[in-house]
Amino acid sequence: MRISLRSLATSCVATALMSGTGFAADELIISTATPPQHIQTTTMVDFANALMERSNGTLKATVFDSSQLYNARDVGKGVARGDVGMATVPSPYLSRVEANINVLDLPILKGMSVQDRSEMLDGQVGTILSDLLSEKMGVVVPGHWPLLGRVYYWSTTKPLTNFDEFVGMQVRIPGGAGPAAVVEGMGGIPVVMPGSDMPLALQQGTIDATMASIESIVQQKLTDVGIRYGFWDQGVVGFLIPIVSTKYWDSLTEAEQTLFTEVWNDNVVEQRIANIAADGEMRAILADLGVTISDADHDAATAIRAQMMPQQQVVIEKYSIDPELVELAAAAAQ
């Protein structure tokens, strides 16, 4: 059997990493769970290239994609232990570690634009959440949060054009208290399920609909399992939280840390612009494949938001979300 040199090299590096063998202090190992073409991976590749270029090669970085090192659920632990240098993790996964992150998915933000949410996270809300997470995990959050994208609802058989159609629907969610509260507030039944199980569940009718980014629908070719309708409810917008191991961060000089953050934040600005543009491009791709996507209007989203307040209060109390954070988020949503 022939084994490519690239595959062999990747295997050797991964083995060394997982066994605790160290890298040079300036070698940043980045792990992603997504394939090379996914925006989560391209974000890290662009950053790695920019970091090496702007440091004149002093700060080297290598990206391992497609869960070669860690899957999305476990990579945070790997970074915290120092087994890997950096990763970006979808916020719902880390809400299990720091419950205050659930504030980002509360119904109070329904109707808030992607740009306004980004600005909120670049301000006091993002600073508080990053500091809480850093303290809880023992990691460094080096800067702003990249945009993962708007989270739509997708169905195989039922046209989704308004909120009334969600009553009684079994809706798959990836997890998180906020998304569950939103689905319940619309009259649906949230079903927590990993993305890997979702295509078969849709085919078999175990679930009626699923929450997912538009990128996931296109790249996983979920039109092949029957996705025909999409709905943007003016609700959840996904973000990625960047985390860096303290082991790597402490190996940098103060000037290198400053450069690292500058390069990262510059990269995030470009990444968000590219993500918004990609959303429009993928809508066109799905339209060509026969998928109809509807958007809730602002007034309908505002009305359903008021209806969801009882579920929101239950989430706030259950997870002891900081009242100051809720007030800050509510103020940003006005």
C-alpha atoms as a PDB file:
ATOM      1  CA  MET A   1       0.000   0.000   0.000  1.00  0.00           C
ATOM      2  CA  ARG A   2       1.372   3.403  -0.953  1.00  0.00           C
ATOM      3  CA  ILE A   3       1.417   6.123   1.683  1.00  0.00           C
ATOM      4  CA  SER A   4       2.028   9.707   0.587  1.00  0.00           C
ATOM      5  CA  LEU A   5       4.815  11.663   2.264  1.00  0.00           C
ATOM      6  CA  ARG A   6       2.294  14.319   3.237  1.00  0.00           C
ATOM      7  CA  SER A   7       0.046  11.766   4.958  1.00  0.00           C
ATOM      8  CA  LEU A   8       3.029  10.235   6.732  1.00  0.00           C
ATOM      9  CA  ALA A   9       4.256  13.611   7.909  1.00  0.00           C
ATOM     10  CA  THR A  10       0.803  14.574   9.150  1.00  0.00           C
ATOM     11  CA  SER A  11       0.496  11.291  11.009  1.00  0.00           C
ATOM     12  CA  CYS A  12       3.886  11.726  12.659  1.00  0.00           C
ATOM     13  CA  VAL A  13       3.122  15.282  13.773  1.00  0.00           C
ATOM     14  CA  ALA A  14      -0.282  14.265  15.116  1.00  0.00           C
ATOM     15  CA  THR A  15       1.240  11.329  17.018  1.00  0.00           C
ATOM     16  CA  ALA A  16       3.896  13.551  18.529  1.00  0.00           C
ATOM     17  CA  LEU A  17       1.309  16.132  19.511  1.00  0.00           C
ATOM     18  CA  MET A  18      -1.059  13.683  21.158  1.00  0.00           C
ATOM     19  CA  SER A  19       1.752  11.997  23.055  1.00  0.00           C
ATOM     20  CA  GLY A  20       2.857  15.281  24.593  1.00  0.00           C
ATOM     21  CA  THR A  21       6.048  15.749  22.622  1.00  0.00           C
ATOM     22  CA  GLY A  22       6.624  19.508  22.495  1.00  0.00           C
ATOM     23  CA  PHE A  23       7.139  21.800  19.539  1.00  0.00           C
ATOM     24  CA  ALA A  24       9.403  24.793  19.358  1.00  0.00           C
ATOM     25  CA  ALA A  25       7.955  27.719  21.296  1.00  0.00           C
ATOM     26  CA  ASP A  26       7.213  29.632  18.116  1.00  0.00           C
ATOM     27  CA  GLU A  27       5.422  26.750  16.376  1.00  0.00           C
ATOM     28  CA  LEU A  28       1.672  27.299  16.677  1.00  0.00           C
ATOM     29  CA  ILE A  29      -0.363  24.149  16.050  1.00  0.00           C
ATOM     30  CA  ILE A  30      -3.957  24.936  15.095  1.00  0.00           C
ATOM     31  CA  SER A  31      -6.707  22.310  15.101  1.00  0.00           C
ATOM     32  CA  THR A  32     -10.020  22.515  13.236  1.00  0.00           C
ATOM     33  CA  ALA A  33     -12.796  19.950  12.977  1.00  0.00           C
ATOM     34  CA  THR A  34     -13.995  21.126   9.572  1.00  0.00           C
ATOM     35  CA  PRO A  35     -12.815  20.264   6.032  1.00  0.00           C
ATOM     36  CA  PRO A  36     -10.357  22.484   4.126  1.00  0.00           C
ATOM     37  CA  GLN A  37     -13.036  24.448   2.255  1.00  0.00           C
ATOM     38  CA  HIS A  38     -15.138  25.271   5.352  1.00  0.00           C
ATOM     39  CA  ILE A  39     -14.976  28.866   6.554  1.00  0.00           C
ATOM     40  CA  GLN A  40     -13.838  27.737  10.011  1.00  0.00           C
ATOM     41  CA  THR A  41     -10.752  26.159   8.446  1.00  0.00           C
ATOM     42  CA  THR A  42     -10.089  28.865   5.863  1.00  0.00           C
ATOM     43  CA  THR A  43     -10.234  31.439   8.669  1.00  0.00           C
ATOM     44  CA  MET A  44      -7.407  29.673  10.482  1.00  0.00           C
ATOM     45  CA  VAL A  45      -5.347  29.124   7.325  1.00  0.00           C
ATOM     46  CA  ASP A  46      -5.622  32.822   6.438  1.00  0.00           C
ATOM     47  CA  PHE A  47      -4.599  33.757   9.959  1.00  0.00           C
ATOM     48  CA  ALA A  48      -1.656  31.348   9.995  1.00  0.00           C
ATOM     49  CA  ASN A  49      -0.367  32.783   6.725  1.00  0.00           C
ATOM     50  CA  ALA A  50      -0.821  36.378   7.888  1.00  0.00           C
ATOM     51  CA  LEU A  51       0.873  35.675  11.222  1.00  0.00           C
ATOM     52  CA  MET A  52       3.939  34.190   9.547  1.00  0.00           C
ATOM     53  CA  GLU A  53       4.102  37.012   7.010  1.00  0.00           C
ATOM     54  CA  ARG A  54       3.702  39.900   9.444  1.00  0.00           C
ATOM     55  CA  SER A  55       6.162  38.385  11.923  1.00  0.00           C
ATOM     56  CA  ASN A  56       8.682  37.941   9.095  1.00  0.00           C
ATOM     57  CA  GLY A  57       8.605  34.204   9.688  1.00  0.00           C
ATOM     58  CA  THR A  58       9.326  34.414  13.411  1.00  0.00           C
ATOM     59  CA  LEU A  59       5.914  33.050  14.374  1.00  0.00           C
ATOM     60  CA  LYS A  60       5.200  29.861  12.474  1.00  0.00           C
ATOM     61  CA  ALA A  61       1.814  28.166  12.360  1.00  0.00           C
ATOM     62  CA  THR A  62       0.400  24.915  10.950  1.00  0.00           C
ATOM     63  CA  VAL A  63      -3.288  24.070  10.549  1.00  0.00           C
ATOM     64  CA  PHE A  64      -4.605  20.508  10.895  1.00  0.00           C
ATOM     65  CA  ASP A  65      -8.156  20.312   9.539  1.00  0.00           C
ATOM     66  CA  SER A  66     -10.920  17.691   9.391  1.00  0.00           C
ATOM     67  CA  SER A  67     -10.534  16.563  13.040  1.00  0.00           C
ATOM     68  CA  GLN A  68      -7.054  15.174  12.350  1.00  0.00           C
ATOM     69  CA  LEU A  69      -6.144  16.134  15.905  1.00  0.00           C
ATOM     70  CA  TYR A  70      -9.417  16.799  17.745  1.00  0.00           C
ATOM     71  CA  ASN A  71     -13.138  16.920  17.073  1.00  0.00           C
ATOM     72  CA  ALA A  72     -15.149  20.056  17.837  1.00  0.00           C
ATOM     73  CA  ARG A  73     -16.332  18.850  21.246  1.00  0.00           C
ATOM     74  CA  ASP A  74     -12.882  17.859  22.546  1.00  0.00           C
ATOM     75  CA  VAL A  75     -10.578  20.488  21.065  1.00  0.00           C
ATOM     76  CA  GLY A  76     -11.209  22.919  23.922  1.00  0.00           C
ATOM     77  CA  LYS A  77      -9.787  20.411  26.389  1.00  0.00           C
ATOM     78  CA  GLY A  78      -6.775  19.906  24.131  1.00  0.00           C
ATOM     79  CA  VAL A  79      -6.058  23.635  24.057  1.00  0.00           C
ATOM     80  CA  ALA A  80      -6.544  23.946  27.824  1.00  0.00           C
ATOM     81  CA  ARG A  81      -4.012  21.146  28.409  1.00  0.00           C
ATOM     82  CA  GLY A  82      -1.540  22.699  25.969  1.00  0.00           C
ATOM     83  CA  ASP A  83      -1.623  19.654  23.678  1.00  0.00           C
ATOM     84  CA  VAL A  84      -2.583  21.944  20.801  1.00  0.00           C
ATOM     85  CA  GLY A  85      -1.864  25.645  20.479  1.00  0.00           C
ATOM     86  CA  MET A  86      -5.068  27.161  19.126  1.00  0.00           C
ATOM     87  CA  ALA A  87      -8.596  26.471  17.930  1.00  0.00           C
ATOM     88  CA  THR A  88     -11.876  28.235  17.275  1.00  0.00           C
ATOM     89  CA  VAL A  89     -14.879  26.595  18.911  1.00  0.00           C
ATOM     90  CA  PRO A  90     -18.565  27.190  18.112  1.00  0.00           C
ATOM     91  CA  SER A  91     -20.048  29.089  21.035  1.00  0.00           C
ATOM     92  CA  PRO A  92     -22.715  26.446  21.954  1.00  0.00           C
ATOM     93  CA  TYR A  93     -19.971  23.928  22.758  1.00  0.00           C
ATOM     94  CA  LEU A  94     -18.318  26.314  25.198  1.00  0.00           C
ATOM     95  CA  SER A  95     -21.622  27.350  26.784  1.00  0.00           C
ATOM     96  CA  ARG A  96     -21.344  24.007  28.578  1.00  0.00           C
ATOM     97  CA  VAL A  97     -18.176  25.337  30.200  1.00  0.00           C
ATOM     98  CA  GLU A  98     -19.264  28.934  30.790  1.00  0.00           C
ATOM     99  CA  ALA A  99     -23.053  29.158  31.049  1.00  0.00           C
ATOM    100  CA  ASN A 100     -23.125  32.927  30.518  1.00  0.00           C
ATOM    101  CA  ILE A 101     -22.358  32.319  26.820  1.00  0.00           C
ATOM    102  CA  ASN A 102     -26.012  31.245  26.517  1.00  0.00           C
ATOM    103  CA  VAL A 103     -26.897  34.950  26.584  1.00  0.00           C
ATOM    104  CA  LEU A 104     -25.962  35.110  22.884  1.00  0.00           C
ATOM    105  CA  ASP A 105     -28.789  32.759  21.886  1.00  0.00           C
ATOM    106  CA  LEU A 106     -31.548  34.250  24.025  1.00  0.00           C
ATOM    107  CA  PRO A 107     -34.740  35.347  22.237  1.00  0.00           C
ATOM    108  CA  ILE A 108     -34.074  38.954  23.276  1.00  0.00           C
ATOM    109  CA  LEU A 109     -31.579  39.185  20.380  1.00  0.00           C
ATOM    110  CA  LYS A 110     -34.101  38.036  17.755  1.00  0.00           C
ATOM    111  CA  GLY A 111     -34.284  40.631  14.997  1.00  0.00           C
ATOM    112  CA  MET A 112     -30.771  41.944  15.668  1.00  0.00           C
ATOM    113  CA  SER A 113     -28.587  42.189  12.551  1.00  0.00           C
ATOM    114  CA  VAL A 114     -25.384  40.234  12.054  1.00  0.00           C
ATOM    115  CA  GLN A 115     -23.406  43.484  12.019  1.00  0.00           C
ATOM    116  CA  ASP A 116     -24.936  44.696  15.284  1.00  0.00           C
ATOM    117  CA  ARG A 117     -24.239  41.358  16.967  1.00  0.00           C
ATOM    118  CA  SER A 118     -20.630  41.522  15.832  1.00  0.00           C
ATOM    119  CA  GLU A 119     -20.271  45.024  17.265  1.00  0.00           C
ATOM    120  CA  MET A 120     -21.818  43.843  20.534  1.00  0.00           C
ATOM    121  CA  LEU A 121     -19.246  41.060  20.800  1.00  0.00           C
ATOM    122  CA  ASP A 122     -16.409  43.454  19.977  1.00  0.00           C
ATOM    123  CA  GLY A 123     -17.536  45.552  22.938  1.00  0.00           C
ATOM    124  CA  GLN A 124     -18.323  45.000  26.596  1.00  0.00           C
ATOM    125  CA  VAL A 125     -20.407  41.835  26.173  1.00  0.00           C
ATOM    126  CA  GLY A 126     -17.626  40.056  24.279  1.00  0.00           C
ATOM    127  CA  THR A 127     -14.968  41.253  26.724  1.00  0.00           C
ATOM    128  CA  ILE A 128     -16.900  39.948  29.723  1.00  0.00           C
ATOM    129  CA  LEU A 129     -17.589  36.578  28.108  1.00  0.00           C
ATOM    130  CA  SER A 130     -13.990  36.173  26.929  1.00  0.00           C
ATOM    131  CA  ASP A 131     -12.646  36.972  30.402  1.00  0.00           C
ATOM    132  CA  LEU A 132     -15.063  34.551  32.082  1.00  0.00           C
ATOM    133  CA  LEU A 133     -14.169  31.775  29.649  1.00  0.00           C
ATOM    134  CA  SER A 134     -10.435  32.415  29.966  1.00  0.00           C
ATOM    135  CA  GLU A 135     -10.654  32.157  33.735  1.00  0.00           C
ATOM    136  CA  LYS A 136     -12.851  29.059  33.668  1.00  0.00           C
ATOM    137  CA  MET A 137     -10.782  27.119  31.090  1.00  0.00           C
ATOM    138  CA  GLY A 138      -7.303  28.460  31.782  1.00  0.00           C
ATOM    139  CA  VAL A 139      -6.878  29.607  28.161  1.00  0.00           C
ATOM    140  CA  VAL A 140      -6.340  32.917  26.374  1.00  0.00           C
ATOM    141  CA  VAL A 141      -9.017  34.460  24.153  1.00  0.00           C
ATOM    142  CA  PRO A 142      -6.719  36.528  21.922  1.00  0.00           C
ATOM    143  CA  GLY A 143      -9.239  38.838  20.272  1.00  0.00           C
ATOM    144  CA  HIS A 144     -12.543  39.162  18.476  1.00  0.00           C
ATOM    145  CA  TRP A 145     -14.843  36.284  17.545  1.00  0.00           C
ATOM    146  CA  PRO A 146     -15.168  35.173  13.900  1.00  0.00           C
ATOM    147  CA  LEU A 147     -18.604  34.841  12.373  1.00  0.00           C
ATOM    148  CA  LEU A 148     -19.896  31.313  11.835  1.00  0.00           C
ATOM    149  CA  GLY A 149     -23.060  32.603  10.203  1.00  0.00           C
ATOM    150  CA  ARG A 150     -26.807  32.824  10.468  1.00  0.00           C
ATOM    151  CA  VAL A 151     -28.468  29.651  11.694  1.00  0.00           C
ATOM    152  CA  TYR A 152     -31.482  28.720   9.575  1.00  0.00           C
ATOM    153  CA  TYR A 153     -34.228  26.148   9.963  1.00  0.00           C
ATOM    154  CA  TRP A 154     -34.444  23.515   7.207  1.00  0.00           C
ATOM    155  CA  SER A 155     -37.198  21.067   6.286  1.00  0.00           C
ATOM    156  CA  THR A 156     -37.629  18.270   3.776  1.00  0.00           C
ATOM    157  CA  THR A 157     -41.420  18.274   3.399  1.00  0.00           C
ATOM    158  CA  LYS A 158     -43.004  21.280   5.103  1.00  0.00           C
ATOM    159  CA  PRO A 159     -42.662  24.741   3.576  1.00  0.00           C
ATOM    160  CA  LEU A 160     -41.327  27.129   6.202  1.00  0.00           C
ATOM    161  CA  THR A 161     -42.601  30.631   5.607  1.00  0.00           C
ATOM    162  CA  ASN A 162     -43.812  31.854   9.020  1.00  0.00           C
ATOM    163  CA  PHE A 163     -43.618  31.090  12.734  1.00  0.00           C
ATOM    164  CA  ASP A 164     -47.029  29.370  12.922  1.00  0.00           C
ATOM    165  CA  GLU A 165     -45.679  26.430  10.914  1.00  0.00           C
ATOM    166  CA  PHE A 166     -43.306  25.454  13.749  1.00  0.00           C
ATOM    167  CA  VAL A 167     -46.090  24.490  16.154  1.00  0.00           C
ATOM    168  CA  GLY A 168     -45.686  20.806  17.021  1.00  0.00           C
ATOM    169  CA  MET A 169     -42.593  20.310  14.821  1.00  0.00           C
ATOM    170  CA  GLN A 170     -39.706  18.151  16.044  1.00  0.00           C
ATOM    171  CA  VAL A 171     -36.722  20.427  15.442  1.00  0.00           C
ATOM    172  CA  ARG A 172     -33.158  19.174  15.761  1.00  0.00           C
ATOM    173  CA  ILE A 173     -30.808  21.567  17.578  1.00  0.00           C
ATOM    174  CA  PRO A 174     -27.060  21.083  18.185  1.00  0.00           C
ATOM    175  CA  GLY A 175     -27.460  21.937  21.868  1.00  0.00           C
ATOM    176  CA  GLY A 176     -27.507  25.043  24.013  1.00  0.00           C
ATOM    177  CA  ALA A 177     -30.185  26.427  26.289  1.00  0.00           C
ATOM    178  CA  GLY A 178     -30.912  29.431  24.070  1.00  0.00           C
ATOM    179  CA  PRO A 179     -31.783  27.496  20.881  1.00  0.00           C
ATOM    180  CA  ALA A 180     -33.994  25.156  22.901  1.00  0.00           C
ATOM    181  CA  ALA A 181     -35.871  28.124  24.362  1.00  0.00           C
ATOM    182  CA  VAL A 182     -36.356  29.639  20.906  1.00  0.00           C
ATOM    183  CA  VAL A 183     -37.790  26.433  19.439  1.00  0.00           C
ATOM    184  CA  GLU A 184     -40.096  25.969  22.432  1.00  0.00           C
ATOM    185  CA  GLY A 185     -41.172  29.609  22.175  1.00  0.00           C
ATOM    186  CA  MET A 186     -42.293  29.008  18.590  1.00  0.00           C
ATOM    187  CA  GLY A 187     -44.315  25.996  19.710  1.00  0.00           C
ATOM    188  CA  GLY A 188     -41.834  23.423  18.452  1.00  0.00           C
ATOM    189  CA  ILE A 189     -40.154  20.511  20.220  1.00  0.00           C
ATOM    190  CA  PRO A 190     -36.346  20.780  20.434  1.00  0.00           C
ATOM    191  CA  VAL A 191     -34.400  17.555  19.838  1.00  0.00           C
ATOM    192  CA  VAL A 192     -30.716  17.674  20.750  1.00  0.00           C
ATOM    193  CA  MET A 193     -28.766  15.703  18.159  1.00  0.00           C
ATOM    194  CA  PRO A 194     -25.199  15.811  16.763  1.00  0.00           C
ATOM    195  CA  GLY A 195     -24.842  16.932  13.165  1.00  0.00           C
ATOM    196  CA  SER A 196     -23.557  13.520  12.119  1.00  0.00           C
ATOM    197  CA  ASP A 197     -26.917  11.908  12.996  1.00  0.00           C
ATOM    198  CA  MET A 198     -29.072  14.619  11.443  1.00  0.00           C
ATOM    199  CA  PRO A 199     -29.162  13.560   7.740  1.00  0.00           C
ATOM    200  CA  LEU A 200     -30.477  10.066   8.495  1.00  0.00           C
ATOM    201  CA  ALA A 201     -32.974  11.456  11.008  1.00  0.00           C
ATOM    202  CA  LEU A 202     -34.361  13.771   8.320  1.00  0.00           C
ATOM    203  CA  GLN A 203     -34.617  10.927   5.814  1.00  0.00           C
ATOM    204  CA  GLN A 204     -36.381   8.649   8.282  1.00  0.00           C
ATOM    205  CA  GLY A 205     -38.729  11.369   9.527  1.00  0.00           C
ATOM    206  CA  THR A 206     -37.418  11.130  13.095  1.00  0.00           C
ATOM    207  CA  ILE A 207     -37.218  14.927  13.017  1.00  0.00           C
ATOM    208  CA  ASP A 208     -39.263  17.396  10.966  1.00  0.00           C
ATOM    209  CA  ALA A 209     -36.621  20.100  10.644  1.00  0.00           C
ATOM    210  CA  THR A 210     -33.114  21.018  11.692  1.00  0.00           C
ATOM    211  CA  MET A 211     -31.172  24.081  12.725  1.00  0.00           C
ATOM    212  CA  ALA A 212     -28.047  24.463  10.596  1.00  0.00           C
ATOM    213  CA  SER A 213     -25.890  27.042   8.883  1.00  0.00           C
ATOM    214  CA  ILE A 214     -26.392  27.471   5.157  1.00  0.00           C
ATOM    215  CA  GLU A 215     -22.777  26.420   4.629  1.00  0.00           C
ATOM    216  CA  SER A 216     -23.484  23.051   6.242  1.00  0.00           C
ATOM    217  CA  ILE A 217     -26.435  22.440   3.931  1.00  0.00           C
ATOM    218  CA  VAL A 218     -24.368  23.180   0.826  1.00  0.00           C
ATOM    219  CA  GLN A 219     -21.125  21.450   1.781  1.00  0.00           C
ATOM    220  CA  GLN A 220     -22.767  18.346   3.219  1.00  0.00           C
ATOM    221  CA  LYS A 221     -25.063  18.183   0.154  1.00  0.00           C
ATOM    222  CA  LEU A 222     -28.118  17.839   2.343  1.00  0.00           C
ATOM    223  CA  THR A 223     -30.335  18.471  -0.653  1.00  0.00           C
ATOM    224  CA  ASP A 224     -29.498  14.834  -1.421  1.00  0.00           C
ATOM    225  CA  VAL A 225     -31.407  13.777   1.715  1.00  0.00           C
ATOM    226  CA  GLY A 226     -34.386  15.924   0.797  1.00  0.00           C
ATOM    227  CA  ILE A 227     -33.835  19.447   2.141  1.00  0.00           C
ATOM    228  CA  ARG A 228     -36.219  21.650   0.142  1.00  0.00           C
ATOM    229  CA  TYR A 229     -37.186  24.535   2.420  1.00  0.00           C
ATOM    230  CA  GLY A 230     -35.269  27.007   4.556  1.00  0.00           C
ATOM    231  CA  PHE A 231     -36.342  29.735   6.972  1.00  0.00           C
ATOM    232  CA  TRP A 232     -34.376  32.577   8.531  1.00  0.00           C
ATOM    233  CA  ASP A 233     -36.209  33.575  11.711  1.00  0.00           C
ATOM    234  CA  GLN A 234     -34.036  36.640  12.471  1.00  0.00           C
ATOM    235  CA  GLY A 235     -32.757  34.551  15.382  1.00  0.00           C
ATOM    236  CA  VAL A 236     -29.556  32.706  16.216  1.00  0.00           C
ATOM    237  CA  VAL A 237     -26.284  33.835  14.663  1.00  0.00           C
ATOM    238  CA  GLY A 238     -23.309  31.561  15.236  1.00  0.00           C
ATOM    239  CA  PHE A 239     -19.887  32.782  16.293  1.00  0.00           C
ATOM    240  CA  LEU A 240     -16.578  31.011  16.840  1.00  0.00           C
ATOM    241  CA  ILE A 241     -14.623  31.623  20.017  1.00  0.00           C
ATOM    242  CA  PRO A 242     -10.834  31.720  19.517  1.00  0.00           C
ATOM    243  CA  ILE A 243      -8.846  30.061  22.295  1.00  0.00           C
ATOM    244  CA  VAL A 244      -5.082  29.802  22.687  1.00  0.00           C
ATOM    245  CA  SER A 245      -3.186  27.640  25.159  1.00  0.00           C
ATOM    246  CA  THR A 246      -1.436  29.515  27.950  1.00  0.00           C
ATOM    247  CA  LYS A 247       1.586  27.295  27.271  1.00  0.00           C
ATOM    248  CA  TYR A 248       1.955  28.776  23.797  1.00  0.00           C
ATOM    249  CA  TRP A 249       0.905  32.304  24.784  1.00  0.00           C
ATOM    250  CA  ASP A 250       3.453  32.490  27.599  1.00  0.00           C
ATOM    251  CA  SER A 251       6.195  31.462  25.171  1.00  0.00           C
ATOM    252  CA  LEU A 252       5.645  34.732  23.280  1.00  0.00           C
ATOM    253  CA  THR A 253       7.183  38.067  24.146  1.00  0.00           C
ATOM    254  CA  GLU A 254       4.857  40.940  24.989  1.00  0.00           C
ATOM    255  CA  ALA A 255       5.490  42.419  21.544  1.00  0.00           C
ATOM    256  CA  GLU A 256       4.673  39.078  19.892  1.00  0.00           C
ATOM    257  CA  GLN A 257       1.440  38.797  21.889  1.00  0.00           C
ATOM    258  CA  THR A 258       0.442  42.286  20.728  1.00  0.00           C
ATOM    259  CA  LEU A 259       1.217  41.388  17.120  1.00  0.00           C
ATOM    260  CA  PHE A 260      -0.696  38.135  17.447  1.00  0.00           C
ATOM    261  CA  THR A 261      -3.842  39.964  18.591  1.00  0.00           C
ATOM    262  CA  GLU A 262      -3.501  42.635  15.897  1.00  0.00           C
ATOM    263  CA  VAL A 263      -3.166  40.047  13.144  1.00  0.00           C
ATOM    264  CA  TRP A 264      -6.041  38.021  14.549  1.00  0.00           C
ATOM    265  CA  ASN A 265      -8.437  40.973  14.777  1.00  0.00           C
ATOM    266  CA  ASP A 266      -7.528  42.155  11.271  1.00  0.00           C
ATOM    267  CA  ASN A 267      -8.260  38.651  10.016  1.00  0.00           C
ATOM    268  CA  VAL A 268     -11.640  38.593  11.767  1.00  0.00           C
ATOM    269  CA  VAL A 269     -12.707  41.815  10.019  1.00  0.00           C
ATOM    270  CA  GLU A 270     -12.050  40.244   6.625  1.00  0.00           C
ATOM    271  CA  GLN A 271     -13.552  36.910   7.687  1.00  0.00           C
ATOM    272  CA  ARG A 272     -16.874  38.454   8.673  1.00  0.00           C
ATOM    273  CA  ILE A 273     -17.176  40.279   5.361  1.00  0.00           C
ATOM    274  CA  ALA A 274     -16.418  37.070   3.467  1.00  0.00           C
ATOM    275  CA  ASN A 275     -18.943  35.120   5.549  1.00  0.00           C
ATOM    276  CA  ILE A 276     -21.789  37.533   4.813  1.00  0.00           C
ATOM    277  CA  ALA A 277     -20.952  37.449   1.093  1.00  0.00           C
ATOM    278  CA  ALA A 278     -20.834  33.635   1.158  1.00  0.00           C
ATOM    279  CA  ASP A 279     -24.317  33.505   2.672  1.00  0.00           C
ATOM    280  CA  GLY A 280     -25.716  35.231  -0.406  1.00  0.00           C
ATOM    281  CA  GLU A 281     -23.741  33.032  -2.770  1.00  0.00           C
ATOM    282  CA  MET A 282     -24.962  29.856  -1.079  1.00  0.00           C
ATOM    283  CA  ARG A 283     -28.562  31.032  -1.185  1.00  0.00           C
ATOM    284  CA  ALA A 284     -28.174  31.256  -4.964  1.00  0.00           C
ATOM    285  CA  ILE A 285     -26.647  27.768  -5.095  1.00  0.00           C
ATOM    286  CA  LEU A 286     -29.544  26.296  -3.121  1.00  0.00           C
ATOM    287  CA  ALA A 287     -32.107  28.139  -5.242  1.00  0.00           C
ATOM    288  CA  ASP A 288     -30.623  26.444  -8.305  1.00  0.00           C
ATOM    289  CA  LEU A 289     -31.046  23.124  -6.498  1.00  0.00           C
ATOM    290  CA  GLY A 290     -34.726  23.793  -5.894  1.00  0.00           C
ATOM    291  CA  VAL A 291     -34.556  24.961  -2.276  1.00  0.00           C
ATOM    292  CA  THR A 292     -36.950  27.762  -1.283  1.00  0.00           C
ATOM    293  CA  ILE A 293     -35.702  30.043   1.514  1.00  0.00           C
ATOM    294  CA  SER A 294     -38.037  32.475   3.290  1.00  0.00           C
ATOM    295  CA  ASP A 295     -37.158  35.277   5.701  1.00  0.00           C
ATOM    296  CA  ALA A 296     -39.232  36.345   8.681  1.00  0.00           C
ATOM    297  CA  ASP A 297     -39.992  40.042   8.528  1.00  0.00           C
ATOM    298  CA  HIS A 298     -38.825  42.271  11.359  1.00  0.00           C
ATOM    299  CA  ASP A 299     -42.289  42.891  12.827  1.00  0.00           C
ATOM    300  CA  ALA A 300     -43.063  39.166  12.998  1.00  0.00           C
ATOM    301  CA  ALA A 301     -39.707  38.487  14.647  1.00  0.00           C
ATOM    302  CA  THR A 302     -40.340  41.223  17.203  1.00  0.00           C
ATOM    303  CA  ALA A 303     -43.793  39.829  17.999  1.00  0.00           C
ATOM    304  CA  ILE A 304     -42.539  36.268  18.476  1.00  0.00           C
ATOM    305  CA  ARG A 305     -39.699  37.582  20.632  1.00  0.00           C
ATOM    306  CA  ALA A 306     -42.229  38.979  23.111  1.00  0.00           C
ATOM    307  CA  GLN A 307     -43.996  35.601  23.116  1.00  0.00           C
ATOM    308  CA  MET A 308     -40.735  33.868  24.048  1.00  0.00           C
ATOM    309  CA  MET A 309     -39.982  35.883  27.184  1.00  0.00           C
ATOM    310  CA  PRO A 310     -41.310  33.220  29.623  1.00  0.00           C
ATOM    311  CA  GLN A 311     -38.949  30.605  28.134  1.00  0.00           C
ATOM    312  CA  GLN A 312     -36.098  33.119  28.222  1.00  0.00           C
ATOM    313  CA  GLN A 313     -36.583  33.813  31.921  1.00  0.00           C
ATOM    314  CA  VAL A 314     -36.508  30.081  32.660  1.00  0.00           C
ATOM    315  CA  VAL A 315     -33.137  29.798  30.860  1.00  0.00           C
ATOM    316  CA  ILE A 316     -31.717  32.836  32.682  1.00  0.00           C
ATOM    317  CA  GLU A 317     -32.676  31.412  36.063  1.00  0.00           C
ATOM    318  CA  LYS A 318     -31.698  27.808  35.287  1.00  0.00           C
ATOM    319  CA  TYR A 319     -28.191  28.723  34.139  1.00  0.00           C
ATOM    320  CA  SER A 320     -27.721  31.724  36.455  1.00  0.00           C
ATOM    321  CA  ILE A 321     -26.890  34.021  33.553  1.00  0.00           C
ATOM    322  CA  ASP A 322     -25.465  37.287  34.863  1.00  0.00           C
ATOM    323  CA  PRO A 323     -28.246  39.937  34.918  1.00  0.00           C
ATOM    324  CA  GLU A 324     -25.700  42.581  33.860  1.00  0.00           C
ATOM    325  CA  LEU A 325     -24.953  40.604  30.702  1.00  0.00           C
ATOM    326  CA  VAL A 326     -28.634  40.221  29.928  1.00  0.00           C
ATOM    327  CA  GLU A 327     -29.126  43.979  30.338  1.00  0.00           C
ATOM    328  CA  LEU A 328     -26.136  44.757  28.126  1.00  0.00           C
ATOM    329  CA  ALA A 329     -27.364  42.377  25.434  1.00  0.00           C
ATOM    330  CA  ALA A 330     -30.892  43.772  25.634  1.00  0.00           C
ATOM    331  CA  ALA A 331     -29.552  47.324  25.305  1.00  0.00           C
ATOM    332  CA  ALA A 332     -27.497  46.335  22.250  1.00  0.00           C
ATOM    333  CA  ALA A 333     -30.592  44.788  20.656  1.00  0.00           C
ATOM    334  CA  GLN A 334     -32.655  47.988  20.939  1.00  0.00           C
END
